[in-house]
């Protein structure tokens, strides 16, 4: 029983962390410097953000399936 409580706490924390990960991304300076224009940079940032959200949602679904 006590073990189940710890598992549930851990799972909730993992879900919270995944939700937080969807709120921001870090772009390395080298990527920003190597982009020829702001339009391409914006497209890259958007693509990176969409992928991060997909990964986080997949992780959340996986954690929820463990119950």
Protein backbone atom coordinates (compact mmCIF):
# COMPACT_ATOMS: atom_id res chain seq x y z
CA UNK A 1 0.00 0.00 0.00
CA UNK A 2 2.70 2.47 0.98
CA UNK A 3 4.61 1.55 -2.16
CA UNK A 4 1.55 2.42 -4.28
CA UNK A 5 1.34 5.85 -2.66
CA UNK A 6 4.97 6.54 -3.55
CA UNK A 7 4.42 5.34 -7.11
CA UNK A 8 1.42 7.66 -7.51
CA UNK A 9 3.34 10.63 -6.13
CA UNK A 10 6.23 9.89 -8.49
CA UNK A 11 3.86 9.56 -11.46
CA UNK A 12 2.11 12.83 -10.62
CA UNK A 13 5.48 14.58 -10.42
CA UNK A 14 6.50 13.16 -13.79
CA UNK A 15 3.27 14.41 -15.35
CA UNK A 16 3.78 17.86 -13.81
CA UNK A 17 7.33 17.98 -15.17
CA UNK A 18 6.12 17.03 -18.65
CA UNK A 19 3.46 19.75 -18.50
CA UNK A 20 6.10 22.29 -17.44
CA UNK A 21 8.35 21.17 -20.31
CA UNK A 22 5.63 22.19 -22.75
CA UNK A 23 5.78 25.80 -21.53
CA UNK A 24 9.27 26.67 -22.74
CA UNK A 25 12.15 25.61 -24.93
CA UNK A 26 15.82 26.49 -24.96
CA UNK A 27 17.37 27.45 -28.28
CA UNK A 28 21.17 27.20 -28.46
CA UNK A 29 22.88 30.43 -29.51
CA UNK A 30 24.62 28.62 -32.37
CA UNK A 31 21.24 27.86 -33.98
CA UNK A 32 20.16 31.48 -33.66
CA UNK A 33 23.44 32.74 -35.11
CA UNK A 34 23.41 30.31 -38.04
CA UNK A 35 19.90 31.12 -39.24
CA UNK A 36 20.00 33.41 -42.27
CA UNK A 37 16.76 35.23 -41.41
CA UNK A 38 14.11 35.55 -38.75
CA UNK A 39 11.46 33.71 -40.77
CA UNK A 40 13.52 30.54 -40.93
CA UNK A 41 14.42 30.89 -37.27
CA UNK A 42 10.75 31.26 -36.37
CA UNK A 43 9.85 28.17 -38.38
CA UNK A 44 12.60 26.18 -36.67
CA UNK A 45 11.54 27.34 -33.21
CA UNK A 46 7.93 26.44 -33.94
CA UNK A 47 8.94 23.00 -35.20
CA UNK A 48 11.07 22.42 -32.10
CA UNK A 49 8.21 23.48 -29.84
CA UNK A 50 5.68 21.23 -31.60
CA UNK A 51 8.04 18.25 -31.28
CA UNK A 52 8.62 18.97 -27.60
CA UNK A 53 4.88 19.10 -26.97
CA UNK A 54 4.33 15.83 -28.84
CA UNK A 55 7.07 14.14 -26.82
CA UNK A 56 5.70 15.49 -23.54
CA UNK A 57 2.16 14.40 -24.36
CA UNK A 58 3.39 10.93 -25.35
CA UNK A 59 5.26 10.71 -22.05
CA UNK A 60 2.16 11.78 -20.11
CA UNK A 61 0.08 9.15 -21.93
CA UNK A 62 2.68 6.51 -21.12
CA UNK A 63 2.78 7.44 -17.43
CA UNK A 64 -1.02 7.38 -17.24
CA UNK A 65 -1.10 3.95 -18.89
CA UNK A 66 0.99 2.51 -16.07
CA UNK A 67 -1.96 2.65 -13.65
